[in-house]
């Protein structure tokens, strides 16, 4: 779909004829071209007249590659670039640039792989950047990352106070970023990317609050914000941004439709998610594609429960299974979320059909995986399997199977919840 090849690479590398780089063009590059661009700029960063900014750009390129592919190697390359950026800094502005690059690496590592220390590392780096003397443009970017980190903390805690506080920080940061991005020629070409990502984070936080607290007003507001962002984004120019906005909007609408017992709204949500999936091929951003497939499958599951339509249930299972195959075996945070959804869908189907054999098979598979290694080996995988055991036991209990498994269900769920909370994913145990 997007094949701009070396001409686009040269345009991005040179900054265009006007000498002003437009980082948003990176959305048009596939993972292979992104990696090529990162390698090419790595060679030139050290020889650049502005090596700090050169290494910042290399870091951002590798981060974009990692976000799309889940590559730990790309994330490590981004980390090396951020440290080189910091090592070459000669003044407060340079140090702030390097520290902000370090914060973005840690935040992306948390986004991809979770982990108890990643957010702390990001917060320390942002605090360090904030202590340096910086221009208004840099201060706006620091505020944006600080607010996004607060949003990640709020998502993990799920408390109303944390969510409201993070929302206020995001609103303030958005104002500052909008002012700086609106300058005639912003010095930092990435500020428009930061603005878009902060807008998505703000809307996603509102949607999460609506889901957690089952508040239709919050879901409706988040949906309007996401629709507005999607409508203002050209899918031919920024396909990933538009797809992410449509997907978040569809996921929220599916929950809202189920709460209101409106099957037509859930069908509309599925259509939005289909539209998001059609904006780019799967290999352009495998993780985005997996997230959209999982959201569509989840929406279809809701619709199948409301309509008792077997065809919709089968389509949901297929979408979730495809998403699972794109992320399995890589210890990704998204992979854990999709694996939990995949298992939950199978359990729901077996329970609906009263199929005790299928539930026993799911129990045996979870037990076999748990026997292969403990929480130290793969914390998220272990917690997903503990959660699967809990949900199988709970389904058997509801079906009246003997003997009672209520105690074992509670024990397994508590073990999963403890690990998810340590990894900053407490919401998964509550799902």
Protein backbone atom coordinates (compact mmCIF):
# COMPACT_ATOMS: atom_id res chain seq x y z
CA UNK A 1 0.00 0.00 0.00
CA UNK A 2 2.80 2.41 0.92
CA UNK A 3 5.85 2.10 -1.34
CA UNK A 4 7.77 5.32 -1.41
CA UNK A 5 11.18 3.61 -1.30
CA UNK A 6 14.47 5.47 -1.37
CA UNK A 7 13.03 8.76 -2.57
CA UNK A 8 10.97 9.10 0.60
CA UNK A 9 13.88 7.91 2.72
CA UNK A 10 16.07 10.63 1.25
CA UNK A 11 13.34 13.23 1.80
CA UNK A 12 12.93 12.26 5.43
CA UNK A 13 16.69 12.14 5.99
CA UNK A 14 17.39 15.49 4.40
CA UNK A 15 14.48 17.31 5.97
CA UNK A 16 12.98 18.22 2.63
CA UNK A 17 13.75 21.13 0.40
CA UNK A 18 12.78 23.65 3.03
CA UNK A 19 15.15 22.03 5.50
CA UNK A 20 12.30 21.27 7.91
CA UNK A 21 11.75 17.62 8.65
CA UNK A 22 8.20 16.29 8.95
CA UNK A 23 8.45 13.31 11.28
CA UNK A 24 4.83 12.37 10.58
CA UNK A 25 5.97 10.93 7.24
CA UNK A 26 7.43 7.98 9.14
CA UNK A 27 3.91 6.55 9.36
CA UNK A 28 4.19 5.81 5.64
CA UNK A 29 7.35 3.73 6.05
CA UNK A 30 7.06 0.01 6.75
CA UNK A 31 9.22 -1.66 9.41
CA UNK A 32 11.99 -2.63 6.97
CA UNK A 33 12.33 0.91 5.65
CA UNK A 34 12.22 2.28 9.18
CA UNK A 35 15.10 0.03 10.20
CA UNK A 36 17.06 1.03 7.09
CA UNK A 37 16.48 4.69 7.90
CA UNK A 38 17.61 4.20 11.51
CA UNK A 39 20.80 2.44 10.39
CA UNK A 40 21.50 5.16 7.82
CA UNK A 41 21.08 7.96 10.35
CA UNK A 42 23.17 6.17 12.96
CA UNK A 43 26.20 6.61 10.72
CA UNK A 44 25.57 10.31 10.26
CA UNK A 45 24.54 11.27 13.79
CA UNK A 46 28.06 11.37 15.19
CA UNK A 47 29.33 13.49 12.28
CA UNK A 48 26.36 15.87 12.37
CA UNK A 49 26.72 19.54 13.25
CA UNK A 50 24.09 18.81 15.90
CA UNK A 51 24.97 15.31 17.18
CA UNK A 52 22.57 15.49 20.14
CA UNK A 53 19.63 16.06 17.80
CA UNK A 54 21.01 13.45 15.39
CA UNK A 55 21.08 10.77 18.09
CA UNK A 56 17.64 11.92 19.29
CA UNK A 57 16.32 11.22 15.79
CA UNK A 58 17.97 7.80 15.69
CA UNK A 59 16.36 7.01 19.04
CA UNK A 60 12.91 8.04 17.81
CA UNK A 61 13.27 5.93 14.64
CA UNK A 62 14.17 2.80 16.60
CA UNK A 63 11.36 3.47 19.07
CA UNK A 64 8.85 3.66 16.23
CA UNK A 65 10.19 0.37 14.85
CA UNK A 66 9.92 -1.26 18.27
CA UNK A 67 6.37 0.00 18.84
CA UNK A 68 5.22 -1.52 15.59
CA UNK A 69 7.08 -4.82 15.73
CA UNK A 70 7.68 -5.50 19.42
CA UNK A 71 11.40 -5.93 18.71
CA UNK A 72 13.47 -5.94 21.90
CA UNK A 73 16.61 -5.44 19.77
CA UNK A 74 15.17 -2.21 18.34
CA UNK A 75 14.33 -1.00 21.82
CA UNK A 76 17.90 -1.72 22.91
CA UNK A 77 19.18 0.23 19.88
CA UNK A 78 16.94 3.16 20.89
CA UNK A 79 18.36 3.00 24.42
CA UNK A 80 21.93 3.12 23.13
CA UNK A 81 21.05 6.12 20.98
CA UNK A 82 19.47 7.92 23.94
CA UNK A 83 22.56 7.35 26.07
CA UNK A 84 24.80 8.62 23.26
CA UNK A 85 22.56 11.65 22.96
CA UNK A 86 23.00 12.35 26.66
CA UNK A 87 26.75 11.72 26.62
CA UNK A 88 27.28 14.36 23.89
CA UNK A 89 25.15 17.04 25.58
CA UNK A 90 27.09 20.21 26.38
CA UNK A 91 24.37 22.39 27.90
CA UNK A 92 21.04 22.23 29.70
CA UNK A 93 19.04 21.97 26.50
CA UNK A 94 21.15 19.05 25.28
CA UNK A 95 20.89 17.27 28.62
CA UNK A 96 17.12 17.74 28.62
CA UNK A 97 16.97 16.28 25.10
CA UNK A 98 18.99 13.26 26.18
CA UNK A 99 17.03 12.70 29.37
CA UNK A 100 13.74 12.98 27.50
CA UNK A 101 15.00 10.40 24.99
CA UNK A 102 15.86 8.10 27.91
CA UNK A 103 12.37 8.63 29.34
CA UNK A 104 10.73 7.75 26.02
CA UNK A 105 12.73 4.53 25.82
CA UNK A 106 11.67 3.50 29.33
CA UNK A 107 8.04 4.42 28.62
CA UNK A 108 8.05 2.39 25.40
CA UNK A 109 9.65 -0.53 27.22
CA UNK A 110 6.77 -0.41 29.70
CA UNK A 111 4.26 -0.14 26.85
CA UNK A 112 5.68 -3.24 25.17
CA UNK A 113 6.91 -5.44 28.03
CA UNK A 114 5.46 -3.95 31.25
CA UNK A 115 7.80 -4.46 34.21
CA UNK A 116 7.80 -2.91 37.69
CA UNK A 117 10.80 -0.61 37.17
CA UNK A 118 10.22 0.84 33.71
CA UNK A 119 7.88 3.64 34.73
CA UNK A 120 10.15 4.58 37.63
CA UNK A 121 13.09 4.92 35.21
CA UNK A 122 11.00 7.08 32.90
CA UNK A 123 9.82 9.30 35.75
CA UNK A 124 13.36 9.83 37.03
CA UNK A 125 14.53 10.83 33.56
CA UNK A 126 11.64 13.28 33.10
CA UNK A 127 12.30 14.83 36.49
CA UNK A 128 15.93 15.28 35.47
CA UNK A 129 14.93 16.90 32.17
CA UNK A 130 12.58 19.25 34.01
CA UNK A 131 15.43 20.46 36.21
CA UNK A 132 17.42 21.73 33.21
CA UNK A 133 17.07 25.20 31.71
CA UNK A 134 15.07 24.70 28.53
CA UNK A 135 13.20 26.58 25.82
CA UNK A 136 9.37 26.62 25.85
CA UNK A 137 9.25 23.94 23.14
CA UNK A 138 11.26 21.52 25.26
CA UNK A 139 9.24 22.38 28.37
CA UNK A 140 6.04 21.49 26.49
CA UNK A 141 7.48 18.11 25.51
CA UNK A 142 8.60 17.45 29.09
CA UNK A 143 5.10 18.28 30.31
CA UNK A 144 3.64 15.93 27.71
CA UNK A 145 5.76 12.95 28.76
CA UNK A 146 5.18 13.72 32.45
CA UNK A 147 1.41 13.74 31.87
CA UNK A 148 1.50 10.53 29.83
CA UNK A 149 3.43 8.78 32.59
CA UNK A 150 0.81 9.96 35.09
CA UNK A 151 -1.83 8.46 32.78
CA UNK A 152 -0.01 5.12 32.80
CA UNK A 153 0.04 5.17 36.60
CA UNK A 154 -3.65 6.04 36.65
CA UNK A 155 -4.46 3.17 34.28
CA UNK A 156 -2.64 0.78 36.59
CA UNK A 157 -4.35 2.01 39.77
CA UNK A 158 -7.80 2.55 38.29
CA UNK A 159 -8.76 4.99 41.06
CA UNK A 160 -10.96 7.94 40.19
CA UNK A 161 -8.63 10.43 41.88
CA UNK A 162 -5.58 9.23 39.90
CA UNK A 163 -7.51 9.32 36.63
CA UNK A 164 -8.81 12.85 37.25
CA UNK A 165 -5.34 14.09 38.20
CA UNK A 166 -3.77 12.54 35.09
CA UNK A 167 -6.53 13.95 32.89
CA UNK A 168 -5.85 17.47 34.21
CA UNK A 169 -2.12 17.07 33.52
CA UNK A 170 -2.84 15.83 30.00
CA UNK A 171 -5.17 18.75 29.29
CA UNK A 172 -2.51 21.23 30.43
CA UNK A 173 0.22 19.49 28.42
CA UNK A 174 -1.98 19.41 25.32
CA UNK A 175 -2.45 23.16 25.54
CA UNK A 176 1.31 23.73 25.74
CA UNK A 177 2.06 21.32 22.90
CA UNK A 178 -0.62 22.86 20.68
CA UNK A 179 0.89 26.32 21.20
CA UNK A 180 4.40 25.10 20.32
CA UNK A 181 3.31 22.91 17.40
CA UNK A 182 1.44 25.91 16.02
CA UNK A 183 4.61 27.94 15.68
CA UNK A 184 5.52 28.83 12.12
CA UNK A 185 8.64 26.65 12.13
CA UNK A 186 9.04 24.60 15.30
CA UNK A 187 12.68 23.71 15.94
CA UNK A 188 11.89 20.14 16.98
CA UNK A 189 10.16 18.23 14.15
CA UNK A 190 8.88 15.60 16.60
CA UNK A 191 6.61 17.99 18.48
CA UNK A 192 3.67 17.28 16.15
CA UNK A 193 4.13 13.56 16.80
CA UNK A 194 4.19 14.21 20.55
CA UNK A 195 1.00 16.27 20.25
CA UNK A 196 -0.82 13.48 18.42
CA UNK A 197 0.34 10.80 20.87
CA UNK A 198 -0.74 12.94 23.83
CA UNK A 199 -4.18 13.48 22.28
CA UNK A 200 -4.58 9.72 21.86
CA UNK A 201 -3.45 9.15 25.45
CA UNK A 202 -5.98 11.68 26.76
CA UNK A 203 -8.89 10.12 24.89
CA UNK A 204 -7.79 6.59 25.84
CA UNK A 205 -7.67 7.58 29.51
CA UNK A 206 -11.24 8.88 29.32
CA UNK A 207 -12.37 5.67 27.64
CA UNK A 208 -10.64 3.59 30.31
CA UNK A 209 -12.30 5.58 33.08
CA UNK A 210 -15.65 5.03 31.41
CA UNK A 211 -15.10 1.28 31.15
CA UNK A 212 -13.73 0.88 34.69
CA UNK A 213 -16.50 2.91 36.31
CA UNK A 214 -19.18 1.95 33.77
CA UNK A 215 -19.84 5.62 33.14
CA UNK A 216 -21.64 6.23 29.81
CA UNK A 217 -20.91 9.97 29.98
CA UNK A 218 -17.14 9.44 30.09
CA UNK A 219 -17.30 6.85 27.30
CA UNK A 220 -19.40 9.15 25.15
CA UNK A 221 -16.99 12.07 25.65
CA UNK A 222 -13.96 9.91 24.88
CA UNK A 223 -15.70 8.62 21.77
CA UNK A 224 -16.38 12.16 20.54
CA UNK A 225 -12.74 13.14 21.13
CA UNK A 226 -11.49 10.10 19.24
CA UNK A 227 -13.92 10.60 16.36
CA UNK A 228 -12.79 14.21 16.04
CA UNK A 229 -9.15 13.15 15.95
CA UNK A 230 -9.92 10.46 13.36
CA UNK A 231 -11.88 12.87 11.18
CA UNK A 232 -9.06 15.43 11.26
CA UNK A 233 -6.44 12.82 10.32
CA UNK A 234 -5.83 11.93 6.69
CA UNK A 235 -5.56 8.14 6.43
CA UNK A 236 -3.40 8.43 3.31
CA UNK A 237 -0.88 10.59 5.17
CA UNK A 238 -1.11 9.26 8.74
CA UNK A 239 -2.70 5.79 8.51
CA UNK A 240 -1.54 4.59 11.93
CA UNK A 241 -2.82 7.64 13.81
CA UNK A 242 -6.20 7.39 12.12
CA UNK A 243 -6.35 3.63 12.70
CA UNK A 244 -5.46 3.99 16.39
CA UNK A 245 -8.13 6.65 16.87
CA UNK A 246 -10.79 4.60 15.06
CA UNK A 247 -9.84 1.47 16.99
CA UNK A 248 -10.03 3.20 20.38
CA UNK A 249 -13.34 4.75 19.37
CA UNK A 250 -14.71 1.37 18.28
CA UNK A 251 -13.58 -0.37 21.46
CA UNK A 252 -15.23 2.28 23.62
CA UNK A 253 -18.43 2.24 21.57
CA UNK A 254 -18.66 -1.55 21.94
CA UNK A 255 -18.60 -1.23 25.73
CA UNK A 256 -21.08 1.65 25.64
CA UNK A 257 -23.40 -0.33 23.36
CA UNK A 258 -23.35 -3.35 25.65
CA UNK A 259 -24.04 -1.17 28.70
CA UNK A 260 -27.03 0.41 26.92
CA UNK A 261 -28.16 -2.96 25.50
CA UNK A 262 -27.90 -1.49 22.00
CA UNK A 263 -26.80 -4.19 19.56
CA UNK A 264 -26.84 -1.62 16.72
CA UNK A 265 -24.16 0.42 18.54
CA UNK A 266 -21.98 -2.66 18.96
CA UNK A 267 -22.37 -3.44 15.24
CA UNK A 268 -21.27 0.11 14.49
CA UNK A 269 -18.25 -0.45 16.73
CA UNK A 270 -17.31 -3.54 14.71
CA UNK A 271 -17.59 -1.47 11.52
CA UNK A 272 -15.25 1.16 12.95
CA UNK A 273 -12.74 -1.53 13.85
CA UNK A 274 -13.01 -3.03 10.35
CA UNK A 275 -12.32 0.43 8.92
CA UNK A 276 -9.26 0.75 11.16
CA UNK A 277 -7.91 -2.62 10.01
CA UNK A 278 -8.34 -1.63 6.35
CA UNK A 279 -6.09 1.44 6.64
CA UNK A 280 -2.81 -0.47 6.41
CA UNK A 281 -1.57 -4.01 5.68
CA UNK A 282 -0.76 -6.25 8.64
CA UNK A 283 2.98 -6.20 8.00
CA UNK A 284 3.06 -2.38 8.08
CA UNK A 285 2.54 -2.48 11.86
CA UNK A 286 2.01 -6.02 13.19
CA UNK A 287 1.30 -4.91 16.76
CA UNK A 288 -1.25 -2.28 15.73
CA UNK A 289 -2.93 -4.88 13.52
CA UNK A 290 -3.00 -7.39 16.38
CA UNK A 291 -4.51 -4.80 18.75
CA UNK A 292 -7.23 -3.93 16.22
CA UNK A 293 -8.04 -7.60 15.57
CA UNK A 294 -8.31 -8.23 19.32
CA UNK A 295 -10.57 -5.21 19.81
CA UNK A 296 -12.76 -6.33 16.92
CA UNK A 297 -12.95 -9.85 18.33
CA UNK A 298 -13.87 -8.47 21.75
CA UNK A 299 -16.63 -6.32 20.21
CA UNK A 300 -17.94 -9.30 18.26
CA UNK A 301 -18.00 -11.36 21.45
CA UNK A 302 -20.19 -8.73 23.05
CA UNK A 303 -22.45 -8.73 20.01
CA UNK A 304 -22.69 -12.53 19.97
CA UNK A 305 -23.79 -12.54 23.61
CA UNK A 306 -26.47 -9.95 22.85
CA UNK A 307 -27.74 -11.55 19.63
CA UNK A 308 -26.86 -15.23 20.27
CA UNK A 309 -25.54 -15.31 16.71
CA UNK A 310 -23.23 -18.31 16.23
CA UNK A 311 -21.63 -16.85 13.10
CA UNK A 312 -20.62 -13.70 14.99
CA UNK A 313 -19.16 -15.81 17.81
CA UNK A 314 -17.09 -17.78 15.28
CA UNK A 315 -15.86 -14.56 13.65
CA UNK A 316 -14.86 -13.24 17.08
CA UNK A 317 -12.90 -16.39 17.87
CA UNK A 318 -11.11 -16.21 14.52
CA UNK A 319 -10.15 -12.52 14.97
CA UNK A 320 -8.83 -13.09 18.49
CA UNK A 321 -6.91 -16.19 17.41
CA UNK A 322 -5.26 -14.24 14.56
CA UNK A 323 -4.28 -11.50 17.00
CA UNK A 324 -2.88 -14.09 19.39
CA UNK A 325 -0.74 -15.65 16.65
CA UNK A 326 0.79 -12.24 15.87
CA UNK A 327 1.98 -11.76 19.46
CA UNK A 328 2.45 -15.21 21.01
CA UNK A 329 5.79 -16.35 22.38
CA UNK A 330 7.32 -12.87 22.64
CA UNK A 331 6.48 -11.93 26.25
CA UNK A 332 4.73 -8.77 25.13
CA UNK A 333 2.26 -6.88 27.30
CA UNK A 334 -0.17 -6.83 24.37
CA UNK A 335 0.43 -10.54 23.93
CA UNK A 336 -0.58 -11.19 27.52
CA UNK A 337 -3.75 -9.14 27.10
CA UNK A 338 -4.68 -10.99 23.90
CA UNK A 339 -3.83 -14.40 25.38
CA UNK A 340 -6.14 -13.66 28.32
CA UNK A 341 -8.89 -12.55 25.93
CA UNK A 342 -8.38 -15.65 23.78
CA UNK A 343 -8.65 -18.00 26.76
CA UNK A 344 -11.65 -16.11 28.15
CA UNK A 345 -13.45 -16.42 24.81
CA UNK A 346 -12.86 -20.19 24.76
CA UNK A 347 -14.04 -20.53 28.35
CA UNK A 348 -17.19 -18.49 27.68
CA UNK A 349 -18.02 -20.63 24.66
CA UNK A 350 -17.47 -23.88 26.55
CA UNK A 351 -19.56 -22.67 29.48
CA UNK A 352 -22.35 -21.52 27.17
CA UNK A 353 -22.45 -24.99 25.60
CA UNK A 354 -22.06 -26.76 28.96
CA UNK A 355 -18.98 -28.51 27.58
CA UNK A 356 -17.16 -29.86 30.63
CA UNK A 357 -14.64 -31.71 28.45
CA UNK A 358 -13.57 -28.48 26.73
CA UNK A 359 -13.19 -26.75 30.10
CA UNK A 360 -11.12 -29.65 31.44
CA UNK A 361 -8.91 -29.46 28.34
CA UNK A 362 -8.34 -25.73 28.90
CA UNK A 363 -7.50 -26.47 32.54
CA UNK A 364 -4.98 -29.14 31.51
CA UNK A 365 -3.29 -26.83 29.00
CA UNK A 366 -2.93 -24.05 31.57
CA UNK A 367 -1.52 -26.48 34.11
CA UNK A 368 0.98 -27.85 31.57
CA UNK A 369 2.24 -24.37 30.74
CA UNK A 370 2.54 -23.50 34.43
CA UNK A 371 4.60 -26.65 34.99
CA UNK A 372 7.15 -25.43 32.41
CA UNK A 373 8.28 -22.46 34.49
CA UNK A 374 7.38 -20.18 37.37
CA UNK A 375 6.63 -16.47 37.59
CA UNK A 376 10.36 -15.67 37.62
CA UNK A 377 10.80 -17.15 34.13
CA UNK A 378 7.90 -15.31 32.43
CA UNK A 379 5.83 -13.26 34.89
CA UNK A 380 3.12 -12.19 32.45
CA UNK A 381 2.74 -15.64 30.88
CA UNK A 382 2.53 -17.25 34.32
CA UNK A 383 -0.11 -14.74 35.45
CA UNK A 384 -2.18 -15.27 32.29
CA UNK A 385 -2.21 -19.02 32.91
CA UNK A 386 -3.14 -18.53 36.58
CA UNK A 387 -5.99 -16.28 35.44
CA UNK A 388 -7.06 -18.94 32.94
CA UNK A 389 -7.19 -21.54 35.71
CA UNK A 390 -9.26 -19.21 37.89
CA UNK A 391 -11.76 -18.56 35.10
CA UNK A 392 -12.04 -22.26 34.21
CA UNK A 393 -12.71 -23.09 37.88
CA UNK A 394 -15.29 -20.29 38.11
CA UNK A 395 -17.05 -21.57 34.98
CA UNK A 396 -17.11 -25.12 36.36
CA UNK A 397 -18.51 -23.77 39.62
CA UNK A 398 -21.30 -21.95 37.78
CA UNK A 399 -22.13 -25.16 35.89
CA UNK A 400 -22.43 -27.03 39.19
CA UNK A 401 -19.49 -29.36 38.57
CA UNK A 402 -18.29 -31.42 41.50
CA UNK A 403 -16.18 -31.14 43.58
CA UNK A 404 -16.29 -27.41 44.30
CA UNK A 405 -13.34 -25.43 42.95
CA UNK A 406 -14.20 -22.07 44.55
CA UNK A 407 -11.13 -22.07 46.82
CA UNK A 408 -8.76 -22.98 43.95
CA UNK A 409 -10.33 -20.29 41.76
CA UNK A 410 -9.81 -17.62 44.41
CA UNK A 411 -6.20 -18.73 45.01
CA UNK A 412 -5.33 -18.72 41.31
CA UNK A 413 -6.94 -15.34 40.71
CA UNK A 414 -5.13 -13.82 43.69
CA UNK A 415 -1.79 -15.12 42.39
CA UNK A 416 -2.46 -13.66 38.93
CA UNK A 417 -3.62 -10.34 40.38
CA UNK A 418 -0.45 -9.97 42.46
CA UNK A 419 1.82 -10.40 39.42
CA UNK A 420 -0.31 -8.18 37.18
CA UNK A 421 -0.19 -5.44 39.80
CA UNK A 422 3.60 -5.73 40.10
CA UNK A 423 3.89 -5.46 36.30
CA UNK A 424 1.61 -2.42 36.14
CA UNK A 425 -1.31 -4.34 34.59
CA UNK A 426 -3.72 -4.62 37.49
CA UNK A 427 -6.68 -3.96 35.20
CA UNK A 428 -6.20 -7.31 33.45
CA UNK A 429 -7.01 -9.26 36.61
CA UNK A 430 -10.15 -7.16 37.06
CA UNK A 431 -11.33 -7.67 33.49
